[in-house]
Amino acid sequence: MPRQIAFRGGSVIIAVQGHATLIHDKSSFAEHWVSPLVSQGIDTVGMTLINVHAARIRYWDGEDSGKISV
């Protein structure tokens, strides 16, 4: 079933539609971990990695918006 997730940073919003898989495997977390924002790191309870196979990507940046081909 297709899903949509969105990210916001400052004035930029990115929405990704596609099929997603939820991953709860610590070895996968370790392979992709780059954030010092979570103090417990990959041992954080409830940590989930979202793997999205994008079908459509849209962005909004103030007055500019558009689509990114995938």
N, C-alpha and C. Protein backbone atom coordinates (compact mmCIF):
# COMPACT_ATOMS: atom_id res chain seq x y z
N MET A 1 0.84 -1.17 0.00
CA MET A 1 0.00 0.00 0.00
C MET A 1 0.89 1.24 0.00
N PRO A 2 0.66 2.19 -0.91
CA PRO A 2 1.48 3.40 -0.97
C PRO A 2 1.32 4.23 0.31
N ARG A 3 2.41 4.87 0.70
CA ARG A 3 2.45 5.73 1.88
C ARG A 3 3.07 7.06 1.49
N GLN A 4 2.84 8.07 2.32
CA GLN A 4 3.47 9.36 2.11
C GLN A 4 4.11 9.81 3.41
N ILE A 5 5.34 10.29 3.32
CA ILE A 5 6.02 10.89 4.46
C ILE A 5 6.48 12.28 4.04
N ALA A 6 6.61 13.17 5.02
CA ALA A 6 7.04 14.53 4.72
C ALA A 6 8.12 14.95 5.70
N PHE A 7 9.01 15.81 5.23
CA PHE A 7 10.11 16.35 6.02
C PHE A 7 10.04 17.87 5.93
N ARG A 8 10.34 18.54 7.02
CA ARG A 8 10.38 20.00 6.99
C ARG A 8 11.66 20.49 7.64
N GLY A 9 12.32 21.39 6.97
CA GLY A 9 13.53 22.02 7.50
C GLY A 9 13.53 23.48 7.10
N GLY A 10 13.34 24.37 8.05
CA GLY A 10 13.23 25.79 7.71
C GLY A 10 12.00 26.02 6.87
N SER A 11 12.18 26.65 5.71
CA SER A 11 11.03 26.92 4.84
C SER A 11 10.82 25.83 3.79
N VAL A 12 11.62 24.77 3.82
CA VAL A 12 11.53 23.71 2.81
C VAL A 12 10.70 22.55 3.34
N ILE A 13 9.76 22.09 2.53
CA ILE A 13 8.98 20.88 2.84
C ILE A 13 9.17 19.92 1.68
N ILE A 14 9.47 18.67 2.00
CA ILE A 14 9.63 17.62 0.99
C ILE A 14 8.66 16.49 1.33
N ALA A 15 7.84 16.10 0.37
CA ALA A 15 6.89 15.00 0.55
C ALA A 15 7.27 13.86 -0.40
N VAL A 16 7.37 12.66 0.15
CA VAL A 16 7.75 11.48 -0.63
C VAL A 16 6.62 10.48 -0.57
N GLN A 17 6.14 10.05 -1.74
CA GLN A 17 5.14 8.99 -1.83
C GLN A 17 5.79 7.75 -2.37
N GLY A 18 5.42 6.59 -1.82
CA GLY A 18 5.97 5.34 -2.30
C GLY A 18 5.63 4.21 -1.35
N HIS A 19 6.28 3.10 -1.54
CA HIS A 19 6.09 1.94 -0.67
C HIS A 19 7.17 1.97 0.40
N ALA A 20 6.74 1.77 1.65
CA ALA A 20 7.68 1.86 2.77
C ALA A 20 7.76 0.54 3.52
N THR A 21 8.95 0.28 4.06
CA THR A 21 9.19 -0.86 4.92
C THR A 21 9.73 -0.33 6.24
N LEU A 22 9.17 -0.80 7.35
CA LEU A 22 9.66 -0.41 8.67
C LEU A 22 10.69 -1.42 9.12
N ILE A 23 11.84 -0.93 9.58
CA ILE A 23 12.94 -1.80 9.98
C ILE A 23 13.25 -1.55 11.45
N HIS A 24 13.34 -2.62 12.24
CA HIS A 24 13.61 -2.53 13.67
C HIS A 24 14.92 -3.22 14.05
N ASP A 25 15.77 -3.48 13.08
CA ASP A 25 17.01 -4.23 13.26
C ASP A 25 18.17 -3.29 13.62
N LYS A 26 18.79 -3.50 14.79
CA LYS A 26 19.87 -2.62 15.24
C LYS A 26 21.08 -2.61 14.31
N SER A 27 21.36 -3.72 13.64
CA SER A 27 22.50 -3.71 12.72
C SER A 27 22.23 -2.77 11.54
N SER A 28 20.98 -2.67 11.11
CA SER A 28 20.63 -1.70 10.05
C SER A 28 20.77 -0.28 10.56
N PHE A 29 20.37 -0.03 11.83
CA PHE A 29 20.53 1.30 12.41
C PHE A 29 22.00 1.69 12.41
N ALA A 30 22.85 0.78 12.87
CA ALA A 30 24.29 1.06 12.95
C ALA A 30 24.88 1.38 11.58
N GLU A 31 24.39 0.70 10.56
CA GLU A 31 24.89 0.89 9.20
C GLU A 31 24.57 2.30 8.68
N HIS A 32 23.44 2.87 9.12
CA HIS A 32 22.99 4.16 8.58
C HIS A 32 23.03 5.30 9.59
N TRP A 33 23.46 5.06 10.81
CA TRP A 33 23.38 6.05 11.88
C TRP A 33 24.33 7.22 11.64
N VAL A 34 23.78 8.45 11.67
CA VAL A 34 24.61 9.65 11.54
C VAL A 34 24.21 10.74 12.52
N SER A 35 23.15 10.56 13.29
CA SER A 35 22.61 11.64 14.11
C SER A 35 23.05 11.58 15.57
N PRO A 36 23.67 12.65 16.05
CA PRO A 36 23.99 12.72 17.48
C PRO A 36 22.81 13.28 18.28
N LEU A 37 21.65 13.52 17.64
CA LEU A 37 20.51 14.16 18.30
C LEU A 37 19.78 13.24 19.28
N VAL A 38 19.95 11.94 19.14
CA VAL A 38 19.28 10.99 20.03
C VAL A 38 20.35 10.43 20.97
N SER A 39 20.26 10.78 22.24
CA SER A 39 21.34 10.47 23.19
C SER A 39 21.58 8.98 23.37
N GLN A 40 20.56 8.14 23.21
CA GLN A 40 20.74 6.71 23.40
C GLN A 40 21.16 5.99 22.12
N GLY A 41 21.29 6.74 21.03
CA GLY A 41 21.75 6.16 19.77
C GLY A 41 20.85 5.03 19.29
N ILE A 42 21.47 3.99 18.74
CA ILE A 42 20.69 2.88 18.17
C ILE A 42 20.00 2.04 19.23
N ASP A 43 20.28 2.27 20.51
CA ASP A 43 19.62 1.55 21.59
C ASP A 43 18.34 2.24 22.06
N THR A 44 17.95 3.32 21.41
CA THR A 44 16.74 4.04 21.80
C THR A 44 15.52 3.13 21.63
N VAL A 45 14.73 3.04 22.68
CA VAL A 45 13.51 2.21 22.66
C VAL A 45 12.55 2.77 21.62
N GLY A 46 12.00 1.89 20.79
CA GLY A 46 11.03 2.28 19.78
C GLY A 46 11.64 2.81 18.50
N MET A 47 12.96 2.79 18.38
CA MET A 47 13.63 3.29 17.17
C MET A 47 13.17 2.49 15.96
N THR A 48 12.84 3.19 14.89
CA THR A 48 12.41 2.55 13.65
C THR A 48 13.07 3.25 12.47
N LEU A 49 13.61 2.47 11.55
CA LEU A 49 14.18 2.98 10.31
C LEU A 49 13.11 2.82 9.24
N ILE A 50 12.86 3.86 8.46
CA ILE A 50 11.85 3.80 7.41
C ILE A 50 12.56 3.77 6.07
N ASN A 51 12.40 2.68 5.33
CA ASN A 51 12.99 2.52 4.01
C ASN A 51 11.89 2.78 2.98
N VAL A 52 12.01 3.87 2.23
CA VAL A 52 10.97 4.24 1.27
C VAL A 52 11.48 4.06 -0.15
N HIS A 53 10.73 3.32 -0.94
CA HIS A 53 10.99 3.20 -2.38
C HIS A 53 10.09 4.24 -3.04
N ALA A 54 10.67 5.41 -3.34
CA ALA A 54 9.89 6.56 -3.80
C ALA A 54 9.28 6.34 -5.17
N ALA A 55 8.02 6.76 -5.30
CA ALA A 55 7.34 6.78 -6.58
C ALA A 55 7.14 8.22 -7.06
N ARG A 56 7.03 9.15 -6.08
CA ARG A 56 6.83 10.56 -6.41
C ARG A 56 7.42 11.41 -5.30
N ILE A 57 8.10 12.49 -5.67
CA ILE A 57 8.66 13.42 -4.70
C ILE A 57 8.24 14.84 -5.09
N ARG A 58 7.70 15.57 -4.12
CA ARG A 58 7.32 16.97 -4.33
C ARG A 58 8.02 17.83 -3.30
N TYR A 59 8.27 19.09 -3.63
CA TYR A 59 8.90 19.99 -2.68
C TYR A 59 8.24 21.36 -2.74
N TRP A 60 8.33 22.06 -1.62
CA TRP A 60 7.85 23.43 -1.50
C TRP A 60 8.92 24.21 -0.76
N ASP A 61 9.30 25.37 -1.28
CA ASP A 61 10.31 26.22 -0.66
C ASP A 61 9.84 27.66 -0.79
N GLY A 62 9.08 28.12 0.18
CA GLY A 62 8.51 29.46 0.08
C GLY A 62 7.54 29.52 -1.07
N GLU A 63 7.84 30.33 -2.07
CA GLU A 63 6.95 30.45 -3.24
C GLU A 63 7.26 29.45 -4.34
N ASP A 64 8.41 28.78 -4.27
CA ASP A 64 8.82 27.81 -5.29
C ASP A 64 8.29 26.42 -4.91
N SER A 65 7.87 25.65 -5.90
CA SER A 65 7.46 24.27 -5.66
C SER A 65 7.69 23.48 -6.93
N GLY A 66 7.70 22.15 -6.79
CA GLY A 66 7.90 21.33 -7.97
C GLY A 66 7.94 19.85 -7.66
N LYS A 67 8.23 19.08 -8.68
CA LYS A 67 8.33 17.63 -8.58
C LYS A 67 9.73 17.21 -8.95
N ILE A 68 10.18 16.12 -8.34
CA ILE A 68 11.48 15.55 -8.67
C ILE A 68 11.24 14.19 -9.29
N SER A 69 11.83 13.93 -10.45
CA SER A 69 11.65 12.65 -11.13
C SER A 69 12.39 11.54 -10.38
N VAL A 70 11.73 10.39 -10.28
CA VAL A 70 12.35 9.20 -9.66
C VAL A 70 12.37 8.07 -10.64
